[in-house]
PDB file of all heavy atoms in Angstrom:
ATOM      1  N   ARG A   1     -33.100   4.251  -4.024  1.00  0.00           N
ATOM      2  CA  ARG A   1     -32.358   3.045  -4.391  1.00  0.00           C
ATOM      3  C   ARG A   1     -31.371   3.363  -5.511  1.00  0.00           C
ATOM      4  O   ARG A   1     -30.214   2.932  -5.482  1.00  0.00           O
ATOM      5  CB  ARG A   1     -33.320   1.939  -4.826  1.00  0.00           C
ATOM      6  CG  ARG A   1     -32.640   0.611  -5.044  1.00  0.00           C
ATOM      7  CD  ARG A   1     -33.614  -0.469  -5.491  1.00  0.00           C
ATOM      8  NE  ARG A   1     -34.727  -0.639  -4.561  1.00  0.00           N
ATOM      9  CZ  ARG A   1     -36.006  -0.745  -4.919  1.00  0.00           C
ATOM     10  NH1 ARG A   1     -36.346  -0.702  -6.180  1.00  0.00           N
ATOM     11  NH2 ARG A   1     -36.940  -0.914  -4.014  1.00  0.00           N
ATOM     12  N   ASN A   2     -31.831   4.135  -6.501  1.00  0.00           N
ATOM     13  CA  ASN A   2     -30.949   4.522  -7.603  1.00  0.00           C
ATOM     14  C   ASN A   2     -29.797   5.386  -7.107  1.00  0.00           C
ATOM     15  O   ASN A   2     -28.656   5.221  -7.535  1.00  0.00           O
ATOM     16  CB  ASN A   2     -31.729   5.268  -8.684  1.00  0.00           C
ATOM     17  CG  ASN A   2     -32.662   4.356  -9.444  1.00  0.00           C
ATOM     18  OD1 ASN A   2     -32.435   3.157  -9.507  1.00  0.00           O
ATOM     19  ND2 ASN A   2     -33.716   4.912 -10.004  1.00  0.00           N
ATOM     20  N   ARG A   3     -30.092   6.302  -6.206  1.00  0.00           N
ATOM     21  CA  ARG A   3     -29.048   7.179  -5.676  1.00  0.00           C
ATOM     22  C   ARG A   3     -28.030   6.384  -4.862  1.00  0.00           C
ATOM     23  O   ARG A   3     -26.827   6.624  -4.957  1.00  0.00           O
ATOM     24  CB  ARG A   3     -29.656   8.277  -4.811  1.00  0.00           C
ATOM     25  CG  ARG A   3     -30.369   9.336  -5.619  1.00  0.00           C
ATOM     26  CD  ARG A   3     -31.012  10.369  -4.736  1.00  0.00           C
ATOM     27  NE  ARG A   3     -31.611  11.431  -5.538  1.00  0.00           N
ATOM     28  CZ  ARG A   3     -32.535  12.270  -5.093  1.00  0.00           C
ATOM     29  NH1 ARG A   3     -32.971  12.171  -3.849  1.00  0.00           N
ATOM     30  NH2 ARG A   3     -33.014  13.205  -5.881  1.00  0.00           N
ATOM     31  N   ARG A   4     -28.509   5.452  -4.058  1.00  0.00           N
ATOM     32  CA  ARG A   4     -27.606   4.633  -3.241  1.00  0.00           C
ATOM     33  C   ARG A   4     -26.718   3.774  -4.146  1.00  0.00           C
ATOM     34  O   ARG A   4     -25.525   3.612  -3.893  1.00  0.00           O
ATOM     35  CB  ARG A   4     -28.429   3.753  -2.293  1.00  0.00           C
ATOM     36  CG  ARG A   4     -27.650   3.244  -1.118  1.00  0.00           C
ATOM     37  CD  ARG A   4     -28.517   2.654  -0.022  1.00  0.00           C
ATOM     38  NE  ARG A   4     -29.818   2.148  -0.418  1.00  0.00           N
ATOM     39  CZ  ARG A   4     -30.983   2.726  -0.109  1.00  0.00           C
ATOM     40  NH1 ARG A   4     -31.010   3.838   0.604  1.00  0.00           N
ATOM     41  NH2 ARG A   4     -32.119   2.208  -0.498  1.00  0.00           N
ATOM     42  N   SER A   5     -27.291   3.253  -5.226  1.00  0.00           N
ATOM     43  CA  SER A   5     -26.534   2.453  -6.177  1.00  0.00           C
ATOM     44  C   SER A   5     -25.456   3.307  -6.837  1.00  0.00           C
ATOM     45  O   SER A   5     -24.324   2.863  -7.034  1.00  0.00           O
ATOM     46  CB  SER A   5     -27.478   1.887  -7.232  1.00  0.00           C
ATOM     47  OG  SER A   5     -26.746   1.242  -8.235  1.00  0.00           O
ATOM     48  N   ARG A   6     -25.787   4.538  -7.159  1.00  0.00           N
ATOM     49  CA  ARG A   6     -24.831   5.457  -7.781  1.00  0.00           C
ATOM     50  C   ARG A   6     -23.658   5.730  -6.836  1.00  0.00           C
ATOM     51  O   ARG A   6     -22.497   5.737  -7.260  1.00  0.00           O
ATOM     52  CB  ARG A   6     -25.543   6.753  -8.144  1.00  0.00           C
ATOM     53  CG  ARG A   6     -24.678   7.733  -8.888  1.00  0.00           C
ATOM     54  CD  ARG A   6     -25.529   8.844  -9.502  1.00  0.00           C
ATOM     55  NE  ARG A   6     -24.684   9.614 -10.389  1.00  0.00           N
ATOM     56  CZ  ARG A   6     -24.338  10.867 -10.167  1.00  0.00           C
ATOM     57  NH1 ARG A   6     -24.787  11.502  -9.106  1.00  0.00           N
ATOM     58  NH2 ARG A   6     -23.560  11.509 -11.004  1.00  0.00           N
ATOM     59  N   VAL A   7     -23.959   5.925  -5.557  1.00  0.00           N
ATOM     60  CA  VAL A   7     -22.913   6.156  -4.565  1.00  0.00           C
ATOM     61  C   VAL A   7     -21.978   4.950  -4.519  1.00  0.00           C
ATOM     62  O   VAL A   7     -20.753   5.098  -4.552  1.00  0.00           O
ATOM     63  CB  VAL A   7     -23.517   6.422  -3.164  1.00  0.00           C
ATOM     64  CG1 VAL A   7     -22.459   6.358  -2.084  1.00  0.00           C
ATOM     65  CG2 VAL A   7     -24.219   7.761  -3.143  1.00  0.00           C
ATOM     66  N   ARG A   8     -22.552   3.756  -4.460  1.00  0.00           N
ATOM     67  CA  ARG A   8     -21.738   2.537  -4.386  1.00  0.00           C
ATOM     68  C   ARG A   8     -20.848   2.393  -5.618  1.00  0.00           C
ATOM     69  O   ARG A   8     -19.692   1.979  -5.514  1.00  0.00           O
ATOM     70  CB  ARG A   8     -22.633   1.300  -4.267  1.00  0.00           C
ATOM     71  CG  ARG A   8     -23.288   1.180  -2.926  1.00  0.00           C
ATOM     72  CD  ARG A   8     -23.953  -0.192  -2.801  1.00  0.00           C
ATOM     73  NE  ARG A   8     -24.847  -0.225  -1.672  1.00  0.00           N
ATOM     74  CZ  ARG A   8     -26.161  -0.409  -1.748  1.00  0.00           C
ATOM     75  NH1 ARG A   8     -26.732  -0.601  -2.922  1.00  0.00           N
ATOM     76  NH2 ARG A   8     -26.903  -0.426  -0.668  1.00  0.00           N
ATOM     77  N   THR A   9     -21.385   2.729  -6.790  1.00  0.00           N
ATOM     78  CA  THR A   9     -20.612   2.634  -8.021  1.00  0.00           C
ATOM     79  C   THR A   9     -19.413   3.572  -7.981  1.00  0.00           C
ATOM     80  O   THR A   9     -18.296   3.178  -8.316  1.00  0.00           O
ATOM     81  CB  THR A   9     -21.502   2.972  -9.240  1.00  0.00           C
ATOM     82  OG1 THR A   9     -22.583   2.057  -9.279  1.00  0.00           O
ATOM     83  CG2 THR A   9     -20.710   2.904 -10.534  1.00  0.00           C
ATOM     84  N   PHE A  10     -19.627   4.817  -7.549  1.00  0.00           N
ATOM     85  CA  PHE A  10     -18.545   5.796  -7.485  1.00  0.00           C
ATOM     86  C   PHE A  10     -17.481   5.362  -6.475  1.00  0.00           C
ATOM     87  O   PHE A  10     -16.286   5.485  -6.733  1.00  0.00           O
ATOM     88  CB  PHE A  10     -19.089   7.177  -7.126  1.00  0.00           C
ATOM     89  CG  PHE A  10     -19.569   7.957  -8.318  1.00  0.00           C
ATOM     90  CD1 PHE A  10     -20.833   7.746  -8.840  1.00  0.00           C
ATOM     91  CD2 PHE A  10     -18.763   8.908  -8.910  1.00  0.00           C
ATOM     92  CE1 PHE A  10     -21.281   8.464  -9.935  1.00  0.00           C
ATOM     93  CE2 PHE A  10     -19.200   9.636 -10.008  1.00  0.00           C
ATOM     94  CZ  PHE A  10     -20.462   9.417 -10.527  1.00  0.00           C
ATOM     95  N   VAL A  11     -17.919   4.851  -5.331  1.00  0.00           N
ATOM     96  CA  VAL A  11     -16.974   4.399  -4.306  1.00  0.00           C
ATOM     97  C   VAL A  11     -16.177   3.209  -4.832  1.00  0.00           C
ATOM     98  O   VAL A  11     -14.957   3.118  -4.621  1.00  0.00           O
ATOM     99  CB  VAL A  11     -17.711   4.034  -2.991  1.00  0.00           C
ATOM    100  CG1 VAL A  11     -16.782   3.336  -2.023  1.00  0.00           C
ATOM    101  CG2 VAL A  11     -18.305   5.282  -2.359  1.00  0.00           C
ATOM    102  N   ARG A  12     -16.840   2.313  -5.544  1.00  0.00           N
ATOM    103  CA  ARG A  12     -16.168   1.144  -6.086  1.00  0.00           C
ATOM    104  C   ARG A  12     -15.084   1.550  -7.078  1.00  0.00           C
ATOM    105  O   ARG A  12     -14.016   0.925  -7.151  1.00  0.00           O
ATOM    106  CB  ARG A  12     -17.179   0.209  -6.761  1.00  0.00           C
ATOM    107  CG  ARG A  12     -16.617  -1.177  -7.005  1.00  0.00           C
ATOM    108  CD  ARG A  12     -17.661  -2.158  -7.525  1.00  0.00           C
ATOM    109  NE  ARG A  12     -18.840  -2.213  -6.677  1.00  0.00           N
ATOM    110  CZ  ARG A  12     -20.082  -1.856  -7.067  1.00  0.00           C
ATOM    111  NH1 ARG A  12     -20.302  -1.412  -8.282  1.00  0.00           N
ATOM    112  NH2 ARG A  12     -21.090  -1.964  -6.233  1.00  0.00           N
ATOM    113  N   LYS A  13     -15.319   2.608  -7.862  1.00  0.00           N
ATOM    114  CA  LYS A  13     -14.310   3.068  -8.821  1.00  0.00           C
ATOM    115  C   LYS A  13     -13.038   3.502  -8.092  1.00  0.00           C
ATOM    116  O   LYS A  13     -11.933   3.219  -8.551  1.00  0.00           O
ATOM    117  CB  LYS A  13     -14.861   4.219  -9.657  1.00  0.00           C
ATOM    118  CG  LYS A  13     -15.855   3.774 -10.700  1.00  0.00           C
ATOM    119  CD  LYS A  13     -16.385   4.938 -11.501  1.00  0.00           C
ATOM    120  CE  LYS A  13     -17.446   4.495 -12.482  1.00  0.00           C
ATOM    121  NZ  LYS A  13     -18.023   5.625 -13.232  1.00  0.00           N
ATOM    122  N   VAL A  14     -13.194   4.186  -6.952  1.00  0.00           N
ATOM    123  CA  VAL A  14     -12.026   4.600  -6.170  1.00  0.00           C
ATOM    124  C   VAL A  14     -11.323   3.368  -5.623  1.00  0.00           C
ATOM    125  O   VAL A  14     -10.086   3.244  -5.710  1.00  0.00           O
ATOM    126  CB  VAL A  14     -12.423   5.547  -5.012  1.00  0.00           C
ATOM    127  CG1 VAL A  14     -11.214   5.900  -4.168  1.00  0.00           C
ATOM    128  CG2 VAL A  14     -13.096   6.803  -5.531  1.00  0.00           C
ATOM    129  N   GLU A  15     -12.081   2.445  -5.060  1.00  0.00           N
ATOM    130  CA  GLU A  15     -11.493   1.237  -4.466  1.00  0.00           C
ATOM    131  C   GLU A  15     -10.781   0.389  -5.522  1.00  0.00           C
ATOM    132  O   GLU A  15      -9.715  -0.166  -5.256  1.00  0.00           O
ATOM    133  CB  GLU A  15     -12.568   0.421  -3.748  1.00  0.00           C
ATOM    134  CG  GLU A  15     -13.084   1.109  -2.501  1.00  0.00           C
ATOM    135  CD  GLU A  15     -14.305   0.443  -1.896  1.00  0.00           C
ATOM    136  OE1 GLU A  15     -14.929  -0.415  -2.577  1.00  0.00           O
ATOM    137  OE2 GLU A  15     -14.643   0.787  -0.754  1.00  0.00           O
ATOM    138  N   ASP A  16     -11.349   0.306  -6.723  1.00  0.00           N
ATOM    139  CA  ASP A  16     -10.704  -0.454  -7.800  1.00  0.00           C
ATOM    140  C   ASP A  16      -9.389   0.192  -8.213  1.00  0.00           C
ATOM    141  O   ASP A  16      -8.396  -0.496  -8.461  1.00  0.00           O
ATOM    142  CB  ASP A  16     -11.637  -0.578  -9.016  1.00  0.00           C
ATOM    143  CG  ASP A  16     -12.806  -1.514  -8.755  1.00  0.00           C
ATOM    144  OD1 ASP A  16     -12.747  -2.265  -7.747  1.00  0.00           O
ATOM    145  OD2 ASP A  16     -13.765  -1.489  -9.549  1.00  0.00           O
ATOM    146  N   ALA A  17      -9.382   1.526  -8.298  1.00  0.00           N
ATOM    147  CA  ALA A  17      -8.157   2.236  -8.664  1.00  0.00           C
ATOM    148  C   ALA A  17      -7.098   2.055  -7.582  1.00  0.00           C
ATOM    149  O   ALA A  17      -5.912   1.902  -7.878  1.00  0.00           O
ATOM    150  CB  ALA A  17      -8.451   3.717  -8.880  1.00  0.00           C
ATOM    151  N   LEU A  18      -7.529   2.057  -6.319  1.00  0.00           N
ATOM    152  CA  LEU A  18      -6.582   1.830  -5.217  1.00  0.00           C
ATOM    153  C   LEU A  18      -6.006   0.422  -5.294  1.00  0.00           C
ATOM    154  O   LEU A  18      -4.799   0.226  -5.125  1.00  0.00           O
ATOM    155  CB  LEU A  18      -7.280   2.032  -3.866  1.00  0.00           C
ATOM    156  CG  LEU A  18      -7.592   3.475  -3.459  1.00  0.00           C
ATOM    157  CD1 LEU A  18      -8.530   3.486  -2.266  1.00  0.00           C
ATOM    158  CD2 LEU A  18      -6.315   4.236  -3.146  1.00  0.00           C
ATOM    159  N   ALA A  19      -6.853  -0.546  -5.563  1.00  0.00           N
ATOM    160  CA  ALA A  19      -6.395  -1.935  -5.640  1.00  0.00           C
ATOM    161  C   ALA A  19      -5.439  -2.140  -6.809  1.00  0.00           C
ATOM    162  O   ALA A  19      -4.477  -2.908  -6.712  1.00  0.00           O
ATOM    163  CB  ALA A  19      -7.591  -2.867  -5.774  1.00  0.00           C
ATOM    164  N   ALA A  20      -5.690  -1.429  -7.903  1.00  0.00           N
ATOM    165  CA  ALA A  20      -4.840  -1.555  -9.083  1.00  0.00           C
ATOM    166  C   ALA A  20      -3.534  -0.779  -8.919  1.00  0.00           C
ATOM    167  O   ALA A  20      -2.595  -0.972  -9.693  1.00  0.00           O
ATOM    168  CB  ALA A  20      -5.579  -1.071 -10.314  1.00  0.00           C
ATOM    169  N   GLY A  21      -3.495   0.112  -7.940  1.00  0.00           N
ATOM    170  CA  GLY A  21      -2.293   0.912  -7.718  1.00  0.00           C
ATOM    171  C   GLY A  21      -2.167   2.067  -8.694  1.00  0.00           C
ATOM    172  O   GLY A  21      -1.088   2.620  -8.877  1.00  0.00           O
ATOM    173  N   ASP A  22      -3.272   2.458  -9.311  1.00  0.00           N
ATOM    174  CA  ASP A  22      -3.276   3.553 -10.284  1.00  0.00           C
ATOM    175  C   ASP A  22      -3.620   4.860  -9.569  1.00  0.00           C
ATOM    176  O   ASP A  22      -4.784   5.158  -9.331  1.00  0.00           O
ATOM    177  CB  ASP A  22      -4.289   3.251 -11.389  1.00  0.00           C
ATOM    178  CG  ASP A  22      -4.207   4.237 -12.547  1.00  0.00           C
ATOM    179  OD1 ASP A  22      -3.462   5.225 -12.444  1.00  0.00           O
ATOM    180  OD2 ASP A  22      -4.894   4.000 -13.551  1.00  0.00           O
ATOM    181  N   ARG A  23      -2.600   5.636  -9.228  1.00  0.00           N
ATOM    182  CA  ARG A  23      -2.803   6.863  -8.444  1.00  0.00           C
ATOM    183  C   ARG A  23      -3.634   7.895  -9.199  1.00  0.00           C
ATOM    184  O   ARG A  23      -4.527   8.517  -8.629  1.00  0.00           O
ATOM    185  CB  ARG A  23      -1.466   7.451  -8.041  1.00  0.00           C
ATOM    186  CG  ARG A  23      -1.611   8.744  -7.254  1.00  0.00           C
ATOM    187  CD  ARG A  23      -0.366   9.133  -6.514  1.00  0.00           C
ATOM    188  NE  ARG A  23      -0.312  10.509  -6.064  1.00  0.00           N
ATOM    189  CZ  ARG A  23      -1.193  11.101  -5.270  1.00  0.00           C
ATOM    190  NH1 ARG A  23      -2.247  10.437  -4.836  1.00  0.00           N
ATOM    191  NH2 ARG A  23      -1.055  12.351  -4.894  1.00  0.00           N
ATOM    192  N   ASP A  24      -3.342   8.096 -10.488  1.00  0.00           N
ATOM    193  CA  ASP A  24      -4.070   9.111 -11.263  1.00  0.00           C
ATOM    194  C   ASP A  24      -5.560   8.786 -11.341  1.00  0.00           C
ATOM    195  O   ASP A  24      -6.414   9.664 -11.175  1.00  0.00           O
ATOM    196  CB  ASP A  24      -3.486   9.220 -12.672  1.00  0.00           C
ATOM    197  CG  ASP A  24      -2.056   9.761 -12.651  1.00  0.00           C
ATOM    198  OD1 ASP A  24      -1.720  10.488 -11.698  1.00  0.00           O
ATOM    199  OD2 ASP A  24      -1.296   9.438 -13.586  1.00  0.00           O
ATOM    200  N   ALA A  25      -5.871   7.523 -11.584  1.00  0.00           N
ATOM    201  CA  ALA A  25      -7.275   7.107 -11.648  1.00  0.00           C
ATOM    202  C   ALA A  25      -7.937   7.249 -10.283  1.00  0.00           C
ATOM    203  O   ALA A  25      -9.101   7.646 -10.185  1.00  0.00           O
ATOM    204  CB  ALA A  25      -7.383   5.677 -12.132  1.00  0.00           C
ATOM    205  N   ALA A  26      -7.196   6.938  -9.213  1.00  0.00           N
ATOM    206  CA  ALA A  26      -7.748   7.041  -7.862  1.00  0.00           C
ATOM    207  C   ALA A  26      -8.059   8.493  -7.516  1.00  0.00           C
ATOM    208  O   ALA A  26      -9.116   8.791  -6.945  1.00  0.00           O
ATOM    209  CB  ALA A  26      -6.778   6.453  -6.844  1.00  0.00           C
ATOM    210  N   VAL A  27      -7.163   9.405  -7.882  1.00  0.00           N
ATOM    211  CA  VAL A  27      -7.385  10.833  -7.603  1.00  0.00           C
ATOM    212  C   VAL A  27      -8.597  11.332  -8.388  1.00  0.00           C
ATOM    213  O   VAL A  27      -9.454  12.054  -7.857  1.00  0.00           O
ATOM    214  CB  VAL A  27      -6.122  11.659  -7.943  1.00  0.00           C
ATOM    215  CG1 VAL A  27      -6.420  13.150  -7.907  1.00  0.00           C
ATOM    216  CG2 VAL A  27      -4.997  11.318  -6.973  1.00  0.00           C
ATOM    217  N   ALA A  28      -8.693  10.935  -9.652  1.00  0.00           N
ATOM    218  CA  ALA A  28      -9.830  11.357 -10.483  1.00  0.00           C
ATOM    219  C   ALA A  28     -11.139  10.796  -9.932  1.00  0.00           C
ATOM    220  O   ALA A  28     -12.159  11.499  -9.865  1.00  0.00           O
ATOM    221  CB  ALA A  28      -9.621  10.895 -11.921  1.00  0.00           C
ATOM    222  N   ALA A  29     -11.124   9.528  -9.533  1.00  0.00           N
ATOM    223  CA  ALA A  29     -12.336   8.904  -8.992  1.00  0.00           C
ATOM    224  C   ALA A  29     -12.723   9.533  -7.659  1.00  0.00           C
ATOM    225  O   ALA A  29     -13.912   9.714  -7.376  1.00  0.00           O
ATOM    226  CB  ALA A  29     -12.126   7.404  -8.827  1.00  0.00           C
ATOM    227  N   LEU A  30     -11.722   9.881  -6.849  1.00  0.00           N
ATOM    228  CA  LEU A  30     -11.997  10.529  -5.564  1.00  0.00           C
ATOM    229  C   LEU A  30     -12.639  11.889  -5.781  1.00  0.00           C
ATOM    230  O   LEU A  30     -13.581  12.268  -5.077  1.00  0.00           O
ATOM    231  CB  LEU A  30     -10.707  10.681  -4.755  1.00  0.00           C
ATOM    232  CG  LEU A  30     -10.844  11.396  -3.416  1.00  0.00           C
ATOM    233  CD1 LEU A  30     -11.705  10.572  -2.462  1.00  0.00           C
ATOM    234  CD2 LEU A  30      -9.485  11.648  -2.798  1.00  0.00           C
ATOM    235  N   LYS A  31     -12.139  12.610  -6.770  1.00  0.00           N
ATOM    236  CA  LYS A  31     -12.688  13.929  -7.083  1.00  0.00           C
ATOM    237  C   LYS A  31     -14.155  13.810  -7.521  1.00  0.00           C
ATOM    238  O   LYS A  31     -14.965  14.689  -7.251  1.00  0.00           O
ATOM    239  CB  LYS A  31     -11.862  14.571  -8.196  1.00  0.00           C
ATOM    240  CG  LYS A  31     -11.943  16.054  -8.261  1.00  0.00           C
ATOM    241  CD  LYS A  31     -10.912  16.603  -9.224  1.00  0.00           C
ATOM    242  CE  LYS A  31     -10.802  18.099  -9.091  1.00  0.00           C
ATOM    243  NZ  LYS A  31      -9.773  18.671  -9.956  1.00  0.00           N
ATOM    244  N   ALA A  32     -14.485  12.712  -8.188  1.00  0.00           N
ATOM    245  CA  ALA A  32     -15.864  12.494  -8.641  1.00  0.00           C
ATOM    246  C   ALA A  32     -16.770  12.011  -7.511  1.00  0.00           C
ATOM    247  O   ALA A  32     -17.954  12.344  -7.472  1.00  0.00           O
ATOM    248  CB  ALA A  32     -15.871  11.478  -9.775  1.00  0.00           C
ATOM    249  N   VAL A  33     -16.226  11.224  -6.578  1.00  0.00           N
ATOM    250  CA  VAL A  33     -17.060  10.627  -5.534  1.00  0.00           C
ATOM    251  C   VAL A  33     -17.374  11.616  -4.409  1.00  0.00           C
ATOM    252  O   VAL A  33     -18.418  11.489  -3.763  1.00  0.00           O
ATOM    253  CB  VAL A  33     -16.409   9.344  -4.968  1.00  0.00           C
ATOM    254  CG1 VAL A  33     -15.328   9.640  -3.966  1.00  0.00           C
ATOM    255  CG2 VAL A  33     -17.457   8.456  -4.322  1.00  0.00           C
ATOM    256  N   GLU A  34     -16.505  12.589  -4.180  1.00  0.00           N
ATOM    257  CA  GLU A  34     -16.721  13.511  -3.058  1.00  0.00           C
ATOM    258  C   GLU A  34     -18.069  14.232  -3.112  1.00  0.00           C
ATOM    259  O   GLU A  34     -18.835  14.168  -2.153  1.00  0.00           O
ATOM    260  CB  GLU A  34     -15.577  14.529  -2.977  1.00  0.00           C
ATOM    261  CG  GLU A  34     -14.616  14.230  -1.867  1.00  0.00           C
ATOM    262  CD  GLU A  34     -13.563  15.303  -1.713  1.00  0.00           C
ATOM    263  OE1 GLU A  34     -12.551  15.225  -2.418  1.00  0.00           O
ATOM    264  OE2 GLU A  34     -13.779  16.206  -0.888  1.00  0.00           O
ATOM    265  N   PRO A  35     -18.409  14.903  -4.222  1.00  0.00           N
ATOM    266  CA  PRO A  35     -19.712  15.582  -4.241  1.00  0.00           C
ATOM    267  C   PRO A  35     -20.892  14.612  -4.179  1.00  0.00           C
ATOM    268  O   PRO A  35     -21.935  14.936  -3.598  1.00  0.00           O
ATOM    269  CB  PRO A  35     -19.710  16.361  -5.557  1.00  0.00           C
ATOM    270  CG  PRO A  35     -18.604  15.813  -6.362  1.00  0.00           C
ATOM    271  CD  PRO A  35     -17.635  15.175  -5.419  1.00  0.00           C
ATOM    272  N   VAL A  36     -20.731  13.421  -4.754  1.00  0.00           N
ATOM    273  CA  VAL A  36     -21.819  12.434  -4.731  1.00  0.00           C
ATOM    274  C   VAL A  36     -22.083  11.985  -3.295  1.00  0.00           C
ATOM    275  O   VAL A  36     -23.233  11.903  -2.856  1.00  0.00           O
ATOM    276  CB  VAL A  36     -21.472  11.229  -5.635  1.00  0.00           C
ATOM    277  CG1 VAL A  36     -22.507  10.137  -5.500  1.00  0.00           C
ATOM    278  CG2 VAL A  36     -21.358  11.681  -7.078  1.00  0.00           C
ATOM    279  N   LEU A  37     -21.008  11.713  -2.546  1.00  0.00           N
ATOM    280  CA  LEU A  37     -21.169  11.301  -1.147  1.00  0.00           C
ATOM    281  C   LEU A  37     -21.734  12.440  -0.305  1.00  0.00           C
ATOM    282  O   LEU A  37     -22.623  12.230   0.531  1.00  0.00           O
ATOM    283  CB  LEU A  37     -19.826  10.841  -0.573  1.00  0.00           C
ATOM    284  CG  LEU A  37     -19.467   9.380  -0.808  1.00  0.00           C
ATOM    285  CD1 LEU A  37     -18.032   9.104  -0.406  1.00  0.00           C
ATOM    286  CD2 LEU A  37     -20.397   8.460  -0.058  1.00  0.00           C
ATOM    287  N   SER A  38     -21.231  13.651  -0.514  1.00  0.00           N
ATOM    288  CA  SER A  38     -21.719  14.796   0.259  1.00  0.00           C
ATOM    289  C   SER A  38     -23.211  15.015   0.031  1.00  0.00           C
ATOM    290  O   SER A  38     -23.978  15.220   0.967  1.00  0.00           O
ATOM    291  CB  SER A  38     -20.964  16.071  -0.128  1.00  0.00           C
ATOM    292  OG  SER A  38     -19.622  15.966   0.217  1.00  0.00           O
ATOM    293  N   ARG A  39     -23.594  14.943  -1.230  1.00  0.00           N
ATOM    294  CA  ARG A  39     -25.002  15.146  -1.567  1.00  0.00           C
ATOM    295  C   ARG A  39     -25.865  14.050  -0.962  1.00  0.00           C
ATOM    296  O   ARG A  39     -26.969  14.303  -0.481  1.00  0.00           O
ATOM    297  CB  ARG A  39     -25.162  15.178  -3.090  1.00  0.00           C
ATOM    298  CG  ARG A  39     -26.378  15.929  -3.554  1.00  0.00           C
ATOM    299  CD  ARG A  39     -26.425  16.125  -5.063  1.00  0.00           C
ATOM    300  NE  ARG A  39     -25.199  16.683  -5.593  1.00  0.00           N
ATOM    301  CZ  ARG A  39     -24.393  16.061  -6.466  1.00  0.00           C
ATOM    302  NH1 ARG A  39     -24.682  14.855  -6.908  1.00  0.00           N
ATOM    303  NH2 ARG A  39     -23.299  16.638  -6.904  1.00  0.00           N
ATOM    304  N   SER A  40     -25.360  12.823  -0.972  1.00  0.00           N
ATOM    305  CA  SER A  40     -26.146  11.723  -0.413  1.00  0.00           C
ATOM    306  C   SER A  40     -26.336  11.916   1.092  1.00  0.00           C
ATOM    307  O   SER A  40     -27.364  11.538   1.637  1.00  0.00           O
ATOM    308  CB  SER A  40     -25.486  10.379  -0.706  1.00  0.00           C
ATOM    309  OG  SER A  40     -24.300  10.241   0.040  1.00  0.00           O
TER     310      SER A  40
END
């Protein structure tokens, strides 16, 4: 449950950056979410 919550949090950070139109934040968040999703 904790791991699934962590995945959702990381994905939400990317989606929030996309919605805000902040490319740098989106790239950074994507770089962070990739290993978390792969591991999950």
